[in-house]
PDB file of N, CA and C in Angstrom:
ATOM      1  N   UNK A   1       0.588  -0.583   8.832  1.00  0.00           N
ATOM      2  CA  UNK A   1       0.842  -1.133   7.514  1.00  0.00           C
ATOM      3  C   UNK A   1      -0.233  -0.603   6.566  1.00  0.00           C
ATOM      4  N   UNK A   2       0.157  -0.276   5.350  1.00  0.00           N
ATOM      5  CA  UNK A   2      -0.788   0.230   4.363  1.00  0.00           C
ATOM      6  C   UNK A   2      -0.277  -0.035   2.963  1.00  0.00           C
ATOM      7  N   UNK A   3      -0.926   0.579   2.000  1.00  0.00           N
ATOM      8  CA  UNK A   3      -0.559   0.347   0.600  1.00  0.00           C
ATOM      9  C   UNK A   3       0.859   0.812   0.297  1.00  0.00           C
ATOM     10  N   UNK A   4       1.386   1.749   1.066  1.00  0.00           N
ATOM     11  CA  UNK A   4       2.754   2.216   0.862  1.00  0.00           C
ATOM     12  C   UNK A   4       3.788   1.145   1.159  1.00  0.00           C
ATOM     13  N   UNK A   5       3.385   0.088   1.854  1.00  0.00           N
ATOM     14  CA  UNK A   5       4.298  -1.006   2.184  1.00  0.00           C
ATOM     15  C   UNK A   5       4.429  -2.013   1.051  1.00  0.00           C
ATOM     16  N   UNK A   6       3.552  -1.921   0.054  1.00  0.00           N
ATOM     17  CA  UNK A   6       3.547  -2.900  -1.039  1.00  0.00           C
ATOM     18  C   UNK A   6       4.671  -2.587  -2.015  1.00  0.00           C
ATOM     19  N   UNK A   7       5.488  -3.584  -2.293  1.00  0.00           N
ATOM     20  CA  UNK A   7       6.610  -3.436  -3.214  1.00  0.00           C
ATOM     21  C   UNK A   7       6.321  -4.117  -4.542  1.00  0.00           C
ATOM     22  N   UNK A   8       5.763  -5.315  -4.494  1.00  0.00           N
ATOM     23  CA  UNK A   8       5.481  -6.096  -5.694  1.00  0.00           C
ATOM     24  C   UNK A   8       4.208  -6.910  -5.493  1.00  0.00           C
ATOM     25  N   UNK A   9       3.502  -7.176  -6.615  1.00  0.00           N
ATOM     26  CA  UNK A   9       2.287  -7.990  -6.577  1.00  0.00           C
ATOM     27  C   UNK A   9       2.321  -8.960  -7.751  1.00  0.00           C
ATOM     28  N   UNK A  10       2.043 -10.231  -7.460  1.00  0.00           N
ATOM     29  CA  UNK A  10       1.986 -11.257  -8.490  1.00  0.00           C
ATOM     30  C   UNK A  10       0.567 -11.814  -8.526  1.00  0.00           C
ATOM     31  N   UNK A  11      -0.009 -11.934  -9.740  1.00  0.00           N
ATOM     32  CA  UNK A  11      -1.349 -12.482  -9.919  1.00  0.00           C
ATOM     33  C   UNK A  11      -1.261 -13.626 -10.918  1.00  0.00           C
ATOM     34  N   UNK A  12      -1.687 -14.806 -10.509  1.00  0.00           N
ATOM     35  CA  UNK A  12      -1.631 -16.005 -11.360  1.00  0.00           C
ATOM     36  C   UNK A  12      -0.250 -16.211 -11.965  1.00  0.00           C
ATOM     37  N   UNK A  13       0.776 -15.974 -11.178  1.00  0.00           N
ATOM     38  CA  UNK A  13       2.146 -16.189 -11.620  1.00  0.00           C
ATOM     39  C   UNK A  13       2.711 -15.078 -12.489  1.00  0.00           C
ATOM     40  N   UNK A  14       1.979 -13.984 -12.651  1.00  0.00           N
ATOM     41  CA  UNK A  14       2.431 -12.862 -13.484  1.00  0.00           C
ATOM     42  C   UNK A  14       2.622 -11.638 -12.598  1.00  0.00           C
ATOM     43  N   UNK A  15       3.790 -11.019 -12.687  1.00  0.00           N
ATOM     44  CA  UNK A  15       4.046  -9.797 -11.934  1.00  0.00           C
ATOM     45  C   UNK A  15       3.264  -8.653 -12.574  1.00  0.00           C
ATOM     46  N   UNK A  16       2.365  -8.050 -11.813  1.00  0.00           N
ATOM     47  CA  UNK A  16       1.587  -6.921 -12.329  1.00  0.00           C
ATOM     48  C   UNK A  16       2.036  -5.608 -11.700  1.00  0.00           C
ATOM     49  N   UNK A  17       2.766  -5.685 -10.597  1.00  0.00           N
ATOM     50  CA  UNK A  17       3.260  -4.502  -9.897  1.00  0.00           C
ATOM     51  C   UNK A  17       4.623  -4.870  -9.347  1.00  0.00           C
ATOM     52  N   UNK A  18       5.677  -4.220  -9.834  1.00  0.00           N
ATOM     53  CA  UNK A  18       7.024  -4.582  -9.425  1.00  0.00           C
ATOM     54  C   UNK A  18       7.843  -3.322  -9.199  1.00  0.00           C
ATOM     55  N   UNK A  19       8.584  -3.303  -8.106  1.00  0.00           N
ATOM     56  CA  UNK A  19       9.378  -2.128  -7.726  1.00  0.00           C
ATOM     57  C   UNK A  19       8.508  -0.874  -7.670  1.00  0.00           C
ATOM     58  N   UNK A  20       7.286  -1.053  -7.160  1.00  0.00           N
ATOM     59  CA  UNK A  20       6.305   0.034  -6.978  1.00  0.00           C
ATOM     60  C   UNK A  20       5.873   0.688  -8.285  1.00  0.00           C
ATOM     61  N   UNK A  21       5.887  -0.075  -9.378  1.00  0.00           N
ATOM     62  CA  UNK A  21       5.410   0.410 -10.671  1.00  0.00           C
ATOM     63  C   UNK A  21       4.597  -0.687 -11.342  1.00  0.00           C
ATOM     64  N   UNK A  22       3.493  -0.266 -12.010  1.00  0.00           N
ATOM     65  CA  UNK A  22       2.692  -1.224 -12.753  1.00  0.00           C
ATOM     66  C   UNK A  22       3.400  -1.602 -14.044  1.00  0.00           C
ATOM     67  N   UNK A  23       3.174  -2.822 -14.506  1.00  0.00           N
ATOM     68  CA  UNK A  23       3.806  -3.321 -15.724  1.00  0.00           C
ATOM     69  C   UNK A  23       2.885  -3.174 -16.929  1.00  0.00           C
ATOM     70  N   UNK A  24       1.974  -2.194 -16.897  1.00  0.00           N
ATOM     71  CA  UNK A  24       1.074  -1.941 -18.020  1.00  0.00           C
ATOM     72  C   UNK A  24       0.789  -0.449 -18.072  1.00  0.00           C
ATOM     73  N   UNK A  25       0.150  -0.023 -19.145  1.00  0.00           N
ATOM     74  CA  UNK A  25      -0.119   1.390 -19.385  1.00  0.00           C
ATOM     75  C   UNK A  25      -1.286   1.867 -18.525  1.00  0.00           C
ATOM     76  N   UNK A  26      -0.998   2.617 -17.488  1.00  0.00           N
ATOM     77  CA  UNK A  26      -2.043   3.140 -16.599  1.00  0.00           C
ATOM     78  C   UNK A  26      -2.769   4.324 -17.224  1.00  0.00           C
ATOM     79  N   UNK A  27      -2.119   5.056 -18.117  1.00  0.00           N
ATOM     80  CA  UNK A  27      -2.730   6.258 -18.695  1.00  0.00           C
ATOM     81  C   UNK A  27      -4.036   5.947 -19.410  1.00  0.00           C
ATOM     82  N   UNK A  28      -4.086   4.839 -20.151  1.00  0.00           N
ATOM     83  CA  UNK A  28      -5.322   4.498 -20.862  1.00  0.00           C
ATOM     84  C   UNK A  28      -6.432   4.128 -19.874  1.00  0.00           C
ATOM     85  N   UNK A  29      -6.080   3.493 -18.787  1.00  0.00           N
ATOM     86  CA  UNK A  29      -7.065   3.145 -17.759  1.00  0.00           C
ATOM     87  C   UNK A  29      -7.598   4.413 -17.101  1.00  0.00           C
ATOM     88  N   UNK A  30      -6.706   5.347 -16.785  1.00  0.00           N
ATOM     89  CA  UNK A  30      -7.129   6.616 -16.184  1.00  0.00           C
ATOM     90  C   UNK A  30      -8.028   7.388 -17.136  1.00  0.00           C
ATOM     91  N   UNK A  31      -7.720   7.382 -18.426  1.00  0.00           N
ATOM     92  CA  UNK A  31      -8.539   8.090 -19.419  1.00  0.00           C
ATOM     93  C   UNK A  31      -9.942   7.492 -19.480  1.00  0.00           C
ATOM     94  N   UNK A  32     -10.033   6.164 -19.476  1.00  0.00           N
ATOM     95  CA  UNK A  32     -11.339   5.510 -19.498  1.00  0.00           C
ATOM     96  C   UNK A  32     -12.120   5.823 -18.222  1.00  0.00           C
ATOM     97  N   UNK A  33     -11.433   5.864 -17.093  1.00  0.00           N
ATOM     98  CA  UNK A  33     -12.096   6.172 -15.821  1.00  0.00           C
ATOM     99  C   UNK A  33     -12.628   7.602 -15.819  1.00  0.00           C
ATOM    100  N   UNK A  34     -11.846   8.548 -16.349  1.00  0.00           N
ATOM    101  CA  UNK A  34     -12.320   9.933 -16.428  1.00  0.00           C
ATOM    102  C   UNK A  34     -13.553  10.041 -17.308  1.00  0.00           C
ATOM    103  N   UNK A  35     -13.550   9.321 -18.437  1.00  0.00           N
ATOM    104  CA  UNK A  35     -14.694   9.339 -19.356  1.00  0.00           C
ATOM    105  C   UNK A  35     -15.937   8.752 -18.674  1.00  0.00           C
ATOM    106  N   UNK A  36     -15.764   7.639 -17.976  1.00  0.00           N
ATOM    107  CA  UNK A  36     -16.889   7.005 -17.282  1.00  0.00           C
ATOM    108  C   UNK A  36     -17.415   7.907 -16.167  1.00  0.00           C
ATOM    109  N   UNK A  37     -16.519   8.567 -15.440  1.00  0.00           N
ATOM    110  CA  UNK A  37     -16.944   9.460 -14.360  1.00  0.00           C
ATOM    111  C   UNK A  37     -17.722  10.647 -14.914  1.00  0.00           C
ATOM    112  N   UNK A  38     -17.252  11.226 -16.013  1.00  0.00           N
ATOM    113  CA  UNK A  38     -17.958  12.359 -16.621  1.00  0.00           C
ATOM    114  C   UNK A  38     -19.355  11.944 -17.056  1.00  0.00           C
ATOM    115  N   UNK A  39     -19.475  10.756 -17.626  1.00  0.00           N
ATOM    116  CA  UNK A  39     -20.773  10.241 -18.052  1.00  0.00           C
ATOM    117  C   UNK A  39     -21.698  10.042 -16.853  1.00  0.00           C
ATOM    118  N   UNK A  40     -21.155   9.500 -15.788  1.00  0.00           N
ATOM    119  CA  UNK A  40     -21.949   9.277 -14.582  1.00  0.00           C
ATOM    120  C   UNK A  40     -22.449  10.604 -14.012  1.00  0.00           C
ATOM    121  N   UNK A  41     -21.584  11.617 -13.945  1.00  0.00           N
ATOM    122  CA  UNK A  41     -21.997  12.915 -13.403  1.00  0.00           C
ATOM    123  C   UNK A  41     -23.055  13.567 -14.281  1.00  0.00           C
ATOM    124  N   UNK A  42     -22.965  13.400 -15.595  1.00  0.00           N
ATOM    125  CA  UNK A  42     -24.005  13.935 -16.484  1.00  0.00           C
ATOM    126  C   UNK A  42     -25.352  13.281 -16.174  1.00  0.00           C
ATOM    127  N   UNK A  43     -25.354  11.959 -15.968  1.00  0.00           N
ATOM    128  CA  UNK A  43     -26.596  11.257 -15.633  1.00  0.00           C
ATOM    129  C   UNK A  43     -27.129  11.704 -14.276  1.00  0.00           C
ATOM    130  N   UNK A  44     -26.239  11.909 -13.314  1.00  0.00           N
ATOM    131  CA  UNK A  44     -26.666  12.374 -11.988  1.00  0.00           C
ATOM    132  C   UNK A  44     -27.274  13.774 -12.084  1.00  0.00           C
ATOM    133  N   UNK A  45     -26.660  14.651 -12.879  1.00  0.00           N
ATOM    134  CA  UNK A  45     -27.192  16.006 -13.055  1.00  0.00           C
ATOM    135  C   UNK A  45     -28.571  15.977 -13.701  1.00  0.00           C
ATOM    136  N   UNK A  46     -28.793  15.030 -14.600  1.00  0.00           N
ATOM    137  CA  UNK A  46     -30.084  14.925 -15.281  1.00  0.00           C
ATOM    138  C   UNK A  46     -31.191  14.513 -14.308  1.00  0.00           C
ATOM    139  N   UNK A  47     -30.846  13.838 -13.233  1.00  0.00           N
ATOM    140  CA  UNK A  47     -31.828  13.402 -12.241  1.00  0.00           C
ATOM    141  C   UNK A  47     -32.256  14.538 -11.312  1.00  0.00           C
ATOM    142  N   UNK A  48     -31.430  15.547 -11.214  1.00  0.00           N
ATOM    143  CA  UNK A  48     -31.705  16.643 -10.252  1.00  0.00           C
ATOM    144  C   UNK A  48     -32.721  17.624 -10.780  1.00  0.00           C
TER     145      UNK A  48
END
């Protein structure tokens, strides 16, 4: 059993993942994550 077995997820009575799709905009979250990762790598490079 793994994450591929998950079909739907409900949190506090609200469906956040249904029919294997999120009910919100993932693109903005991915963009923020890429920005944070780039910032982290710049800080790591500065330490070297």
